[in-house]
Amino acid sequence: MADTMEEGMLTTAEVDMTRALSVADEMSASRAELKMAVRFLAHAVADAVEVARLRGERLGVDPKAKETAEFLRRTLTR
């Protein structure tokens, strides 16, 4: 079940990344569109960090790595 959930999160992150790159490649993109692209990228990174955190919990990752992952999650989901 966890693998399925993580796969869905990574698929969504990939879609968000593709969407953001598409906007970034558009020369006529407005400031608002670029800000939205940054949000898509932040969402993609947050999902990837969450997947890494979940996998780390299952695999018994050391506490320092957990602290770093938690910091990234908090920072990227503001």
PDB file of N, CA and C in Angstrom:
ATOM      1  N   MET A   1       0.822  -1.182   0.000  1.00  0.00           N
ATOM      2  CA  MET A   1       0.000   0.000   0.000  1.00  0.00           C
ATOM      3  C   MET A   1       0.878   1.263   0.000  1.00  0.00           C
ATOM      4  N   ALA A   2       1.937   1.252   0.810  1.00  0.00           N
ATOM      5  CA  ALA A   2       2.828   2.415   0.873  1.00  0.00           C
ATOM      6  C   ALA A   2       3.501   2.663  -0.469  1.00  0.00           C
ATOM      7  N   ASP A   3       3.919   1.585  -1.126  1.00  0.00           N
ATOM      8  CA  ASP A   3       4.560   1.748  -2.437  1.00  0.00           C
ATOM      9  C   ASP A   3       3.607   2.385  -3.441  1.00  0.00           C
ATOM     10  N   THR A   4       2.341   1.999  -3.408  1.00  0.00           N
ATOM     11  CA  THR A   4       1.340   2.565  -4.318  1.00  0.00           C
ATOM     12  C   THR A   4       1.135   4.043  -4.033  1.00  0.00           C
ATOM     13  N   MET A   5       1.049   4.390  -2.757  1.00  0.00           N
ATOM     14  CA  MET A   5       0.872   5.788  -2.383  1.00  0.00           C
ATOM     15  C   MET A   5       2.090   6.618  -2.816  1.00  0.00           C
ATOM     16  N   GLU A   6       3.271   6.093  -2.566  1.00  0.00           N
ATOM     17  CA  GLU A   6       4.486   6.809  -2.948  1.00  0.00           C
ATOM     18  C   GLU A   6       4.582   6.962  -4.458  1.00  0.00           C
ATOM     19  N   GLU A   7       4.219   5.946  -5.188  1.00  0.00           N
ATOM     20  CA  GLU A   7       4.238   6.025  -6.646  1.00  0.00           C
ATOM     21  C   GLU A   7       3.304   7.125  -7.138  1.00  0.00           C
ATOM     22  N   GLY A   8       2.129   7.231  -6.527  1.00  0.00           N
ATOM     23  CA  GLY A   8       1.192   8.299  -6.887  1.00  0.00           C
ATOM     24  C   GLY A   8       1.764   9.675  -6.586  1.00  0.00           C
ATOM     25  N   MET A   9       2.426   9.804  -5.446  1.00  0.00           N
ATOM     26  CA  MET A   9       3.031  11.091  -5.087  1.00  0.00           C
ATOM     27  C   MET A   9       4.134  11.470  -6.064  1.00  0.00           C
ATOM     28  N   LEU A  10       4.953  10.494  -6.455  1.00  0.00           N
ATOM     29  CA  LEU A  10       6.032  10.781  -7.392  1.00  0.00           C
ATOM     30  C   LEU A  10       5.495  11.085  -8.786  1.00  0.00           C
ATOM     31  N   THR A  11       4.416  10.433  -9.178  1.00  0.00           N
ATOM     32  CA  THR A  11       3.793  10.730 -10.471  1.00  0.00           C
ATOM     33  C   THR A  11       3.257  12.152 -10.477  1.00  0.00           C
ATOM     34  N   THR A  12       2.591  12.551  -9.401  1.00  0.00           N
ATOM     35  CA  THR A  12       2.089  13.919  -9.288  1.00  0.00           C
ATOM     36  C   THR A  12       3.245  14.912  -9.312  1.00  0.00           C
ATOM     37  N   ALA A  13       4.337  14.593  -8.624  1.00  0.00           N
ATOM     38  CA  ALA A  13       5.510  15.469  -8.622  1.00  0.00           C
ATOM     39  C   ALA A  13       6.072  15.619 -10.026  1.00  0.00           C
ATOM     40  N   GLU A  14       6.095  14.541 -10.771  1.00  0.00           N
ATOM     41  CA  GLU A  14       6.601  14.600 -12.149  1.00  0.00           C
ATOM     42  C   GLU A  14       5.707  15.461 -13.033  1.00  0.00           C
ATOM     43  N   VAL A  15       4.404  15.356 -12.855  1.00  0.00           N
ATOM     44  CA  VAL A  15       3.457  16.190 -13.606  1.00  0.00           C
ATOM     45  C   VAL A  15       3.660  17.656 -13.250  1.00  0.00           C
ATOM     46  N   ASP A  16       3.790  17.958 -11.956  1.00  0.00           N
ATOM     47  CA  ASP A  16       4.019  19.330 -11.513  1.00  0.00           C
ATOM     48  C   ASP A  16       5.325  19.881 -12.084  1.00  0.00           C
ATOM     49  N   MET A  17       6.366  19.063 -12.086  1.00  0.00           N
ATOM     50  CA  MET A  17       7.651  19.481 -12.625  1.00  0.00           C
ATOM     51  C   MET A  17       7.534  19.788 -14.119  1.00  0.00           C
ATOM     52  N   THR A  18       6.863  18.928 -14.866  1.00  0.00           N
ATOM     53  CA  THR A  18       6.690  19.125 -16.304  1.00  0.00           C
ATOM     54  C   THR A  18       5.909  20.403 -16.578  1.00  0.00           C
ATOM     55  N   ARG A  19       4.865  20.625 -15.798  1.00  0.00           N
ATOM     56  CA  ARG A  19       4.048  21.835 -15.933  1.00  0.00           C
ATOM     57  C   ARG A  19       4.888  23.089 -15.679  1.00  0.00           C
ATOM     58  N   ALA A  20       5.685  23.056 -14.625  1.00  0.00           N
ATOM     59  CA  ALA A  20       6.529  24.206 -14.280  1.00  0.00           C
ATOM     60  C   ALA A  20       7.570  24.467 -15.358  1.00  0.00           C
ATOM     61  N   LEU A  21       8.190  23.420 -15.866  1.00  0.00           N
ATOM     62  CA  LEU A  21       9.183  23.595 -16.927  1.00  0.00           C
ATOM     63  C   LEU A  21       8.555  24.154 -18.194  1.00  0.00           C
ATOM     64  N   SER A  22       7.356  23.746 -18.478  1.00  0.00           N
ATOM     65  CA  SER A  22       6.645  24.263 -19.651  1.00  0.00           C
ATOM     66  C   SER A  22       6.418  25.764 -19.534  1.00  0.00           C
ATOM     67  N   VAL A  23       5.999  26.208 -18.362  1.00  0.00           N
ATOM     68  CA  VAL A  23       5.790  27.639 -18.128  1.00  0.00           C
ATOM     69  C   VAL A  23       7.124  28.385 -18.215  1.00  0.00           C
ATOM     70  N   ALA A  24       8.168  27.818 -17.618  1.00  0.00           N
ATOM     71  CA  ALA A  24       9.481  28.462 -17.621  1.00  0.00           C
ATOM     72  C   ALA A  24      10.031  28.613 -19.037  1.00  0.00           C
ATOM     73  N   ASP A  25       9.696  27.685 -19.918  1.00  0.00           N
ATOM     74  CA  ASP A  25      10.166  27.741 -21.305  1.00  0.00           C
ATOM     75  C   ASP A  25       9.389  28.740 -22.155  1.00  0.00           C
ATOM     76  N   GLU A  26       8.245  29.187 -21.662  1.00  0.00           N
ATOM     77  CA  GLU A  26       7.393  30.124 -22.412  1.00  0.00           C
ATOM     78  C   GLU A  26       7.937  31.541 -22.244  1.00  0.00           C
ATOM     79  N   MET A  27       8.462  32.100 -23.311  1.00  0.00           N
ATOM     80  CA  MET A  27       9.079  33.425 -23.248  1.00  0.00           C
ATOM     81  C   MET A  27       8.083  34.522 -22.840  1.00  0.00           C
ATOM     82  N   SER A  28       6.822  34.339 -23.147  1.00  0.00           N
ATOM     83  CA  SER A  28       5.836  35.365 -22.833  1.00  0.00           C
ATOM     84  C   SER A  28       5.118  35.113 -21.504  1.00  0.00           C
ATOM     85  N   ALA A  29       5.655  34.210 -20.683  1.00  0.00           N
ATOM     86  CA  ALA A  29       5.015  33.897 -19.403  1.00  0.00           C
ATOM     87  C   ALA A  29       5.009  35.141 -18.513  1.00  0.00           C
ATOM     88  N   SER A  30       3.873  35.367 -17.901  1.00  0.00           N
ATOM     89  CA  SER A  30       3.742  36.519 -17.003  1.00  0.00           C
ATOM     90  C   SER A  30       4.375  36.208 -15.646  1.00  0.00           C
ATOM     91  N   ARG A  31       4.506  37.244 -14.850  1.00  0.00           N
ATOM     92  CA  ARG A  31       5.033  37.072 -13.495  1.00  0.00           C
ATOM     93  C   ARG A  31       4.157  36.106 -12.700  1.00  0.00           C
ATOM     94  N   ALA A  32       2.848  36.247 -12.830  1.00  0.00           N
ATOM     95  CA  ALA A  32       1.915  35.364 -12.114  1.00  0.00           C
ATOM     96  C   ALA A  32       2.101  33.910 -12.559  1.00  0.00           C
ATOM     97  N   GLU A  33       2.305  33.704 -13.851  1.00  0.00           N
ATOM     98  CA  GLU A  33       2.509  32.339 -14.352  1.00  0.00           C
ATOM     99  C   GLU A  33       3.827  31.763 -13.828  1.00  0.00           C
ATOM    100  N   LEU A  34       4.855  32.589 -13.763  1.00  0.00           N
ATOM    101  CA  LEU A  34       6.138  32.121 -13.240  1.00  0.00           C
ATOM    102  C   LEU A  34       6.038  31.807 -11.747  1.00  0.00           C
ATOM    103  N   LYS A  35       5.284  32.619 -11.005  1.00  0.00           N
ATOM    104  CA  LYS A  35       5.082  32.334  -9.586  1.00  0.00           C
ATOM    105  C   LYS A  35       4.354  31.000  -9.418  1.00  0.00           C
ATOM    106  N   MET A  36       3.385  30.742 -10.281  1.00  0.00           N
ATOM    107  CA  MET A  36       2.671  29.467 -10.213  1.00  0.00           C
ATOM    108  C   MET A  36       3.618  28.313 -10.552  1.00  0.00           C
ATOM    109  N   ALA A  37       4.525  28.534 -11.501  1.00  0.00           N
ATOM    110  CA  ALA A  37       5.506  27.502 -11.839  1.00  0.00           C
ATOM    111  C   ALA A  37       6.377  27.175 -10.628  1.00  0.00           C
ATOM    112  N   VAL A  38       6.766  28.193  -9.878  1.00  0.00           N
ATOM    113  CA  VAL A  38       7.554  27.963  -8.664  1.00  0.00           C
ATOM    114  C   VAL A  38       6.739  27.145  -7.671  1.00  0.00           C
ATOM    115  N   ARG A  39       5.459  27.433  -7.551  1.00  0.00           N
ATOM    116  CA  ARG A  39       4.596  26.652  -6.653  1.00  0.00           C
ATOM    117  C   ARG A  39       4.523  25.188  -7.093  1.00  0.00           C
ATOM    118  N   PHE A  40       4.411  24.961  -8.418  1.00  0.00           N
ATOM    119  CA  PHE A  40       4.404  23.589  -8.926  1.00  0.00           C
ATOM    120  C   PHE A  40       5.706  22.877  -8.552  1.00  0.00           C
ATOM    121  N   LEU A  41       6.844  23.572  -8.726  1.00  0.00           N
ATOM    122  CA  LEU A  41       8.129  22.969  -8.382  1.00  0.00           C
ATOM    123  C   LEU A  41       8.239  22.699  -6.888  1.00  0.00           C
ATOM    124  N   ALA A  42       7.784  23.639  -6.071  1.00  0.00           N
ATOM    125  CA  ALA A  42       7.822  23.440  -4.624  1.00  0.00           C
ATOM    126  C   ALA A  42       6.969  22.237  -4.237  1.00  0.00           C
ATOM    127  N   HIS A  43       5.823  22.097  -4.868  1.00  0.00           N
ATOM    128  CA  HIS A  43       4.947  20.951  -4.596  1.00  0.00           C
ATOM    129  C   HIS A  43       5.644  19.651  -4.996  1.00  0.00           C
ATOM    130  N   ALA A  44       6.301  19.657  -6.146  1.00  0.00           N
ATOM    131  CA  ALA A  44       7.004  18.457  -6.609  1.00  0.00           C
ATOM    132  C   ALA A  44       8.116  18.074  -5.636  1.00  0.00           C
ATOM    133  N   VAL A  45       8.878  19.053  -5.184  1.00  0.00           N
ATOM    134  CA  VAL A  45       9.962  18.779  -4.237  1.00  0.00           C
ATOM    135  C   VAL A  45       9.386  18.295  -2.908  1.00  0.00           C
ATOM    136  N   ALA A  46       8.323  18.933  -2.442  1.00  0.00           N
ATOM    137  CA  ALA A  46       7.700  18.517  -1.178  1.00  0.00           C
ATOM    138  C   ALA A  46       7.231  17.067  -1.258  1.00  0.00           C
ATOM    139  N   ASP A  47       6.639  16.685  -2.379  1.00  0.00           N
ATOM    140  CA  ASP A  47       6.204  15.292  -2.541  1.00  0.00           C
ATOM    141  C   ASP A  47       7.395  14.339  -2.537  1.00  0.00           C
ATOM    142  N   ALA A  48       8.466  14.709  -3.229  1.00  0.00           N
ATOM    143  CA  ALA A  48       9.653  13.852  -3.267  1.00  0.00           C
ATOM    144  C   ALA A  48      10.269  13.717  -1.877  1.00  0.00           C
ATOM    145  N   VAL A  49      10.309  14.811  -1.126  1.00  0.00           N
ATOM    146  CA  VAL A  49      10.838  14.774   0.245  1.00  0.00           C
ATOM    147  C   VAL A  49       9.958  13.882   1.117  1.00  0.00           C
ATOM    148  N   GLU A  50       8.664  13.990   0.948  1.00  0.00           N
ATOM    149  CA  GLU A  50       7.744  13.162   1.742  1.00  0.00           C
ATOM    150  C   GLU A  50       7.946  11.681   1.441  1.00  0.00           C
ATOM    151  N   VAL A  51       8.111  11.344   0.167  1.00  0.00           N
ATOM    152  CA  VAL A  51       8.360   9.945  -0.199  1.00  0.00           C
ATOM    153  C   VAL A  51       9.663   9.471   0.446  1.00  0.00           C
ATOM    154  N   ALA A  52      10.694  10.299   0.378  1.00  0.00           N
ATOM    155  CA  ALA A  52      11.967   9.925   0.998  1.00  0.00           C
ATOM    156  C   ALA A  52      11.806   9.742   2.511  1.00  0.00           C
ATOM    157  N   ARG A  53      11.038  10.630   3.144  1.00  0.00           N
ATOM    158  CA  ARG A  53      10.810  10.517   4.582  1.00  0.00           C
ATOM    159  C   ARG A  53      10.079   9.219   4.922  1.00  0.00           C
ATOM    160  N   LEU A  54       9.029   8.929   4.159  1.00  0.00           N
ATOM    161  CA  LEU A  54       8.266   7.704   4.404  1.00  0.00           C
ATOM    162  C   LEU A  54       9.129   6.467   4.221  1.00  0.00           C
ATOM    163  N   ARG A  55       9.932   6.464   3.175  1.00  0.00           N
ATOM    164  CA  ARG A  55      10.813   5.316   2.946  1.00  0.00           C
ATOM    165  C   ARG A  55      11.856   5.208   4.055  1.00  0.00           C
ATOM    166  N   GLY A  56      12.362   6.350   4.496  1.00  0.00           N
ATOM    167  CA  GLY A  56      13.343   6.350   5.579  1.00  0.00           C
ATOM    168  C   GLY A  56      12.776   5.771   6.861  1.00  0.00           C
ATOM    169  N   GLU A  57      11.517   6.096   7.144  1.00  0.00           N
ATOM    170  CA  GLU A  57      10.870   5.547   8.336  1.00  0.00           C
ATOM    171  C   GLU A  57      10.774   4.025   8.239  1.00  0.00           C
ATOM    172  N   ARG A  58      10.427   3.548   7.062  1.00  0.00           N
ATOM    173  CA  ARG A  58      10.298   2.104   6.886  1.00  0.00           C
ATOM    174  C   ARG A  58      11.654   1.409   6.911  1.00  0.00           C
ATOM    175  N   LEU A  59      12.705   2.114   6.457  1.00  0.00           N
ATOM    176  CA  LEU A  59      14.019   1.491   6.360  1.00  0.00           C
ATOM    177  C   LEU A  59      14.916   1.777   7.557  1.00  0.00           C
ATOM    178  N   GLY A  60      14.446   2.614   8.491  1.00  0.00           N
ATOM    179  CA  GLY A  60      15.223   2.909   9.689  1.00  0.00           C
ATOM    180  C   GLY A  60      16.396   3.848   9.440  1.00  0.00           C
ATOM    181  N   VAL A  61      16.145   4.982   8.831  1.00  0.00           N
ATOM    182  CA  VAL A  61      17.174   5.974   8.546  1.00  0.00           C
ATOM    183  C   VAL A  61      17.611   6.656   9.843  1.00  0.00           C
ATOM    184  N   ASP A  62      18.871   7.089   9.895  1.00  0.00           N
ATOM    185  CA  ASP A  62      19.391   7.698  11.118  1.00  0.00           C
ATOM    186  C   ASP A  62      18.671   9.010  11.443  1.00  0.00           C
ATOM    187  N   PRO A  63      18.642   9.405  12.718  1.00  0.00           N
ATOM    188  CA  PRO A  63      17.889  10.583  13.173  1.00  0.00           C
ATOM    189  C   PRO A  63      18.288  11.887  12.484  1.00  0.00           C
ATOM    190  N   LYS A  64      19.573  12.086  12.172  1.00  0.00           N
ATOM    191  CA  LYS A  64      20.021  13.329  11.529  1.00  0.00           C
ATOM    192  C   LYS A  64      19.361  13.476  10.152  1.00  0.00           C
ATOM    193  N   ALA A  65      19.266  12.393   9.407  1.00  0.00           N
ATOM    194  CA  ALA A  65      18.608  12.439   8.103  1.00  0.00           C
ATOM    195  C   ALA A  65      17.130  12.755   8.266  1.00  0.00           C
ATOM    196  N   LYS A  66      16.521  12.229   9.315  1.00  0.00           N
ATOM    197  CA  LYS A  66      15.111  12.522   9.580  1.00  0.00           C
ATOM    198  C   LYS A  66      14.915  14.003   9.887  1.00  0.00           C
ATOM    199  N   GLU A  67      15.836  14.583  10.668  1.00  0.00           N
ATOM    200  CA  GLU A  67      15.749  16.014  10.984  1.00  0.00           C
ATOM    201  C   GLU A  67      15.850  16.855   9.719  1.00  0.00           C
ATOM    202  N   THR A  68      16.754  16.497   8.832  1.00  0.00           N
ATOM    203  CA  THR A  68      16.929  17.235   7.576  1.00  0.00           C
ATOM    204  C   THR A  68      15.679  17.133   6.720  1.00  0.00           C
ATOM    205  N   ALA A  69      15.119  15.952   6.608  1.00  0.00           N
ATOM    206  CA  ALA A  69      13.903  15.761   5.821  1.00  0.00           C
ATOM    207  C   ALA A  69      12.747  16.568   6.400  1.00  0.00           C
ATOM    208  N   GLU A  70      12.624  16.580   7.717  1.00  0.00           N
ATOM    209  CA  GLU A  70      11.548  17.339   8.363  1.00  0.00           C
ATOM    210  C   GLU A  70      11.718  18.833   8.111  1.00  0.00           C
ATOM    211  N   PHE A  71      12.946  19.327   8.207  1.00  0.00           N
ATOM    212  CA  PHE A  71      13.223  20.735   7.929  1.00  0.00           C
ATOM    213  C   PHE A  71      12.823  21.082   6.496  1.00  0.00           C
ATOM    214  N   LEU A  72      13.218  20.258   5.534  1.00  0.00           N
ATOM    215  CA  LEU A  72      12.865  20.509   4.133  1.00  0.00           C
ATOM    216  C   LEU A  72      11.351  20.488   3.936  1.00  0.00           C
ATOM    217  N   ARG A  73      10.676  19.524   4.565  1.00  0.00           N
ATOM    218  CA  ARG A  73       9.226  19.436   4.418  1.00  0.00           C
ATOM    219  C   ARG A  73       8.553  20.694   4.944  1.00  0.00           C
ATOM    220  N   ARG A  74       8.965  21.145   6.134  1.00  0.00           N
ATOM    221  CA  ARG A  74       8.369  22.363   6.718  1.00  0.00           C
ATOM    222  C   ARG A  74       8.650  23.573   5.849  1.00  0.00           C
ATOM    223  N   THR A  75       9.876  23.680   5.366  1.00  0.00           N
ATOM    224  CA  THR A  75      10.283  24.843   4.565  1.00  0.00           C
ATOM    225  C   THR A  75       9.526  24.902   3.245  1.00  0.00           C
ATOM    226  N   LEU A  76       9.356  23.757   2.614  1.00  0.00           N
ATOM    227  CA  LEU A  76       8.755  23.736   1.269  1.00  0.00           C
ATOM    228  C   LEU A  76       7.242  23.751   1.270  1.00  0.00           C
ATOM    229  N   THR A  77       6.623  23.511   2.398  1.00  0.00           N
ATOM    230  CA  THR A  77       5.156  23.469   2.416  1.00  0.00           C
ATOM    231  C   THR A  77       4.548  24.688   3.071  1.00  0.00           C
ATOM    232  N   ARG A  78       5.309  25.742   3.243  1.00  0.00           N
ATOM    233  CA  ARG A  78       4.777  26.975   3.835  1.00  0.00           C
ATOM    234  C   ARG A  78       3.861  27.670   2.881  1.00  0.00           C
TER     235      ARG A  78
END
